[in-house]
Amino acid sequence: MDNLKDWFTKHNVVAISDVDTRALVAYIRDNGAMNAIISTEVDNIDA
């Protein structure tokens, strides 16, 4: 494997990057936790 992206692909793992975690924590602190999902499925967002 050449890089981390290849490893994630091989093991069928979803990952995100370039997230400002300090801003995310501040947002959650101010607004409370919310439901969320990370998905590669974009055909039926309501589902």
PDB file of N, CA and C in Angstrom:
ATOM      1  N   MET A   1       0.845  -1.184   0.000  1.00  0.00           N
ATOM      2  CA  MET A   1       0.000   0.000   0.000  1.00  0.00           C
ATOM      3  C   MET A   1       0.885   1.239   0.000  1.00  0.00           C
ATOM      4  N   ASP A   2       0.471   2.195  -0.793  1.00  0.00           N
ATOM      5  CA  ASP A   2       1.286   3.396  -0.924  1.00  0.00           C
ATOM      6  C   ASP A   2       0.967   4.453   0.118  1.00  0.00           C
ATOM      7  N   ASN A   3      -0.278   4.531   0.539  1.00  0.00           N
ATOM      8  CA  ASN A   3      -0.628   5.598   1.470  1.00  0.00           C
ATOM      9  C   ASN A   3      -1.861   5.231   2.297  1.00  0.00           C
ATOM     10  N   LEU A   4      -2.213   6.127   3.173  1.00  0.00           N
ATOM     11  CA  LEU A   4      -3.345   5.896   4.069  1.00  0.00           C
ATOM     12  C   LEU A   4      -4.659   5.762   3.304  1.00  0.00           C
ATOM     13  N   LYS A   5      -4.834   6.557   2.256  1.00  0.00           N
ATOM     14  CA  LYS A   5      -6.065   6.470   1.466  1.00  0.00           C
ATOM     15  C   LYS A   5      -6.234   5.065   0.885  1.00  0.00           C
ATOM     16  N   ASP A   6      -5.147   4.478   0.414  1.00  0.00           N
ATOM     17  CA  ASP A   6      -5.216   3.113  -0.119  1.00  0.00           C
ATOM     18  C   ASP A   6      -5.640   2.118   0.960  1.00  0.00           C
ATOM     19  N   TRP A   7      -5.116   2.300   2.170  1.00  0.00           N
ATOM     20  CA  TRP A   7      -5.475   1.406   3.280  1.00  0.00           C
ATOM     21  C   TRP A   7      -6.967   1.523   3.587  1.00  0.00           C
ATOM     22  N   PHE A   8      -7.476   2.764   3.663  1.00  0.00           N
ATOM     23  CA  PHE A   8      -8.906   2.966   3.919  1.00  0.00           C
ATOM     24  C   PHE A   8      -9.744   2.317   2.821  1.00  0.00           C
ATOM     25  N   THR A   9      -9.346   2.492   1.583  1.00  0.00           N
ATOM     26  CA  THR A   9     -10.083   1.905   0.466  1.00  0.00           C
ATOM     27  C   THR A   9     -10.072   0.386   0.543  1.00  0.00           C
ATOM     28  N   LYS A  10      -8.908  -0.183   0.802  1.00  0.00           N
ATOM     29  CA  LYS A  10      -8.791  -1.644   0.881  1.00  0.00           C
ATOM     30  C   LYS A  10      -9.666  -2.219   1.985  1.00  0.00           C
ATOM     31  N   HIS A  11      -9.770  -1.518   3.109  1.00  0.00           N
ATOM     32  CA  HIS A  11     -10.527  -2.011   4.260  1.00  0.00           C
ATOM     33  C   HIS A  11     -11.950  -1.453   4.317  1.00  0.00           C
ATOM     34  N   ASN A  12     -12.365  -0.761   3.246  1.00  0.00           N
ATOM     35  CA  ASN A  12     -13.729  -0.236   3.137  1.00  0.00           C
ATOM     36  C   ASN A  12     -14.095   0.661   4.318  1.00  0.00           C
ATOM     37  N   VAL A  13     -13.192   1.596   4.637  1.00  0.00           N
ATOM     38  CA  VAL A  13     -13.375   2.515   5.757  1.00  0.00           C
ATOM     39  C   VAL A  13     -13.617   3.919   5.210  1.00  0.00           C
ATOM     40  N   VAL A  14     -14.619   4.606   5.760  1.00  0.00           N
ATOM     41  CA  VAL A  14     -14.894   5.989   5.390  1.00  0.00           C
ATOM     42  C   VAL A  14     -14.090   6.890   6.317  1.00  0.00           C
ATOM     43  N   ALA A  15     -13.485   7.919   5.767  1.00  0.00           N
ATOM     44  CA  ALA A  15     -12.706   8.867   6.562  1.00  0.00           C
ATOM     45  C   ALA A  15     -12.994  10.287   6.092  1.00  0.00           C
ATOM     46  N   ILE A  16     -12.797  11.239   6.981  1.00  0.00           N
ATOM     47  CA  ILE A  16     -12.904  12.647   6.615  1.00  0.00           C
ATOM     48  C   ILE A  16     -11.585  13.313   6.977  1.00  0.00           C
ATOM     49  N   SER A  17     -11.302  14.427   6.339  1.00  0.00           N
ATOM     50  CA  SER A  17     -10.060  15.141   6.623  1.00  0.00           C
ATOM     51  C   SER A  17     -10.312  16.636   6.560  1.00  0.00           C
ATOM     52  N   ASP A  18      -9.303  17.373   6.982  1.00  0.00           N
ATOM     53  CA  ASP A  18      -9.347  18.839   6.941  1.00  0.00           C
ATOM     54  C   ASP A  18     -10.510  19.413   7.750  1.00  0.00           C
ATOM     55  N   VAL A  19     -10.774  18.830   8.902  1.00  0.00           N
ATOM     56  CA  VAL A  19     -11.827  19.308   9.788  1.00  0.00           C
ATOM     57  C   VAL A  19     -11.182  20.147  10.886  1.00  0.00           C
ATOM     58  N   ASP A  20     -11.685  21.354  11.075  1.00  0.00           N
ATOM     59  CA  ASP A  20     -11.199  22.212  12.154  1.00  0.00           C
ATOM     60  C   ASP A  20     -11.862  21.742  13.448  1.00  0.00           C
ATOM     61  N   THR A  21     -11.185  20.847  14.159  1.00  0.00           N
ATOM     62  CA  THR A  21     -11.793  20.228  15.335  1.00  0.00           C
ATOM     63  C   THR A  21     -12.033  21.228  16.455  1.00  0.00           C
ATOM     64  N   ARG A  22     -11.196  22.254  16.552  1.00  0.00           N
ATOM     65  CA  ARG A  22     -11.441  23.264  17.597  1.00  0.00           C
ATOM     66  C   ARG A  22     -12.732  24.026  17.314  1.00  0.00           C
ATOM     67  N   ALA A  23     -12.974  24.371  16.066  1.00  0.00           N
ATOM     68  CA  ALA A  23     -14.219  25.052  15.697  1.00  0.00           C
ATOM     69  C   ALA A  23     -15.409  24.125  15.896  1.00  0.00           C
ATOM     70  N   LEU A  24     -15.239  22.846  15.567  1.00  0.00           N
ATOM     71  CA  LEU A  24     -16.315  21.873  15.755  1.00  0.00           C
ATOM     72  C   LEU A  24     -16.684  21.738  17.225  1.00  0.00           C
ATOM     73  N   VAL A  25     -15.686  21.637  18.091  1.00  0.00           N
ATOM     74  CA  VAL A  25     -15.947  21.532  19.530  1.00  0.00           C
ATOM     75  C   VAL A  25     -16.625  22.797  20.043  1.00  0.00           C
ATOM     76  N   ALA A  26     -16.179  23.958  19.600  1.00  0.00           N
ATOM     77  CA  ALA A  26     -16.806  25.215  20.022  1.00  0.00           C
ATOM     78  C   ALA A  26     -18.265  25.270  19.572  1.00  0.00           C
ATOM     79  N   TYR A  27     -18.540  24.808  18.342  1.00  0.00           N
ATOM     80  CA  TYR A  27     -19.913  24.798  17.842  1.00  0.00           C
ATOM     81  C   TYR A  27     -20.788  23.877  18.679  1.00  0.00           C
ATOM     82  N   ILE A  28     -20.292  22.687  18.967  1.00  0.00           N
ATOM     83  CA  ILE A  28     -21.058  21.739  19.783  1.00  0.00           C
ATOM     84  C   ILE A  28     -21.275  22.296  21.182  1.00  0.00           C
ATOM     85  N   ARG A  29     -20.265  22.925  21.747  1.00  0.00           N
ATOM     86  CA  ARG A  29     -20.398  23.516  23.078  1.00  0.00           C
ATOM     87  C   ARG A  29     -21.492  24.584  23.083  1.00  0.00           C
ATOM     88  N   ASP A  30     -21.551  25.402  22.029  1.00  0.00           N
ATOM     89  CA  ASP A  30     -22.525  26.494  21.967  1.00  0.00           C
ATOM     90  C   ASP A  30     -23.920  26.032  21.570  1.00  0.00           C
ATOM     91  N   ASN A  31     -24.012  25.002  20.744  1.00  0.00           N
ATOM     92  CA  ASN A  31     -25.300  24.606  20.168  1.00  0.00           C
ATOM     93  C   ASN A  31     -25.795  23.240  20.605  1.00  0.00           C
ATOM     94  N   GLY A  32     -24.967  22.494  21.319  1.00  0.00           N
ATOM     95  CA  GLY A  32     -25.345  21.152  21.728  1.00  0.00           C
ATOM     96  C   GLY A  32     -25.046  20.142  20.635  1.00  0.00           C
ATOM     97  N   ALA A  33     -25.012  18.883  21.038  1.00  0.00           N
ATOM     98  CA  ALA A  33     -24.733  17.805  20.092  1.00  0.00           C
ATOM     99  C   ALA A  33     -25.927  17.604  19.176  1.00  0.00           C
ATOM    100  N   MET A  34     -25.664  17.228  17.954  1.00  0.00           N
ATOM    101  CA  MET A  34     -26.711  16.995  16.969  1.00  0.00           C
ATOM    102  C   MET A  34     -26.486  15.649  16.296  1.00  0.00           C
ATOM    103  N   ASN A  35     -27.540  15.084  15.753  1.00  0.00           N
ATOM    104  CA  ASN A  35     -27.406  13.851  14.988  1.00  0.00           C
ATOM    105  C   ASN A  35     -26.742  14.159  13.654  1.00  0.00           C
ATOM    106  N   ALA A  36     -25.898  13.262  13.213  1.00  0.00           N
ATOM    107  CA  ALA A  36     -25.220  13.452  11.934  1.00  0.00           C
ATOM    108  C   ALA A  36     -24.839  12.087  11.374  1.00  0.00           C
ATOM    109  N   ILE A  37     -24.484  12.077  10.117  1.00  0.00           N
ATOM    110  CA  ILE A  37     -24.045  10.849   9.471  1.00  0.00           C
ATOM    111  C   ILE A  37     -23.019  11.205   8.402  1.00  0.00           C
ATOM    112  N   ILE A  38     -22.056  10.330   8.235  1.00  0.00           N
ATOM    113  CA  ILE A  38     -21.102  10.423   7.131  1.00  0.00           C
ATOM    114  C   ILE A  38     -21.406   9.248   6.225  1.00  0.00           C
ATOM    115  N   SER A  39     -21.680   9.548   4.963  1.00  0.00           N
ATOM    116  CA  SER A  39     -22.076   8.497   4.046  1.00  0.00           C
ATOM    117  C   SER A  39     -21.580   8.775   2.643  1.00  0.00           C
ATOM    118  N   THR A  40     -21.386   7.716   1.902  1.00  0.00           N
ATOM    119  CA  THR A  40     -21.078   7.858   0.481  1.00  0.00           C
ATOM    120  C   THR A  40     -22.333   7.737  -0.370  1.00  0.00           C
ATOM    121  N   GLU A  41     -23.460   7.426   0.256  1.00  0.00           N
ATOM    122  CA  GLU A  41     -24.731   7.283  -0.452  1.00  0.00           C
ATOM    123  C   GLU A  41     -25.385   8.661  -0.577  1.00  0.00           C
ATOM    124  N   VAL A  42     -25.559   9.143  -1.792  1.00  0.00           N
ATOM    125  CA  VAL A  42     -26.159  10.448  -1.994  1.00  0.00           C
ATOM    126  C   VAL A  42     -27.469  10.370  -2.786  1.00  0.00           C
ATOM    127  N   ASP A  43     -27.894   9.172  -3.161  1.00  0.00           N
ATOM    128  CA  ASP A  43     -29.090   9.019  -3.971  1.00  0.00           C
ATOM    129  C   ASP A  43     -30.374   9.262  -3.200  1.00  0.00           C
ATOM    130  N   ASN A  44     -30.398   8.861  -1.915  1.00  0.00           N
ATOM    131  CA  ASN A  44     -31.614   8.984  -1.121  1.00  0.00           C
ATOM    132  C   ASN A  44     -31.239   9.573   0.238  1.00  0.00           C
ATOM    133  N   ILE A  45     -31.066  10.876   0.295  1.00  0.00           N
ATOM    134  CA  ILE A  45     -30.609  11.553   1.509  1.00  0.00           C
ATOM    135  C   ILE A  45     -31.603  11.375   2.651  1.00  0.00           C
ATOM    136  N   ASP A  46     -32.901  11.373   2.365  1.00  0.00           N
ATOM    137  CA  ASP A  46     -33.902  11.208   3.433  1.00  0.00           C
ATOM    138  C   ASP A  46     -33.796   9.867   4.134  1.00  0.00           C
ATOM    139  N   ALA A  47     -33.391   8.840   3.419  1.00  0.00           N
ATOM    140  CA  ALA A  47     -33.268   7.512   4.006  1.00  0.00           C
ATOM    141  C   ALA A  47     -32.112   7.488   4.963  1.00  0.00           C
TER     142      ALA A  47
END
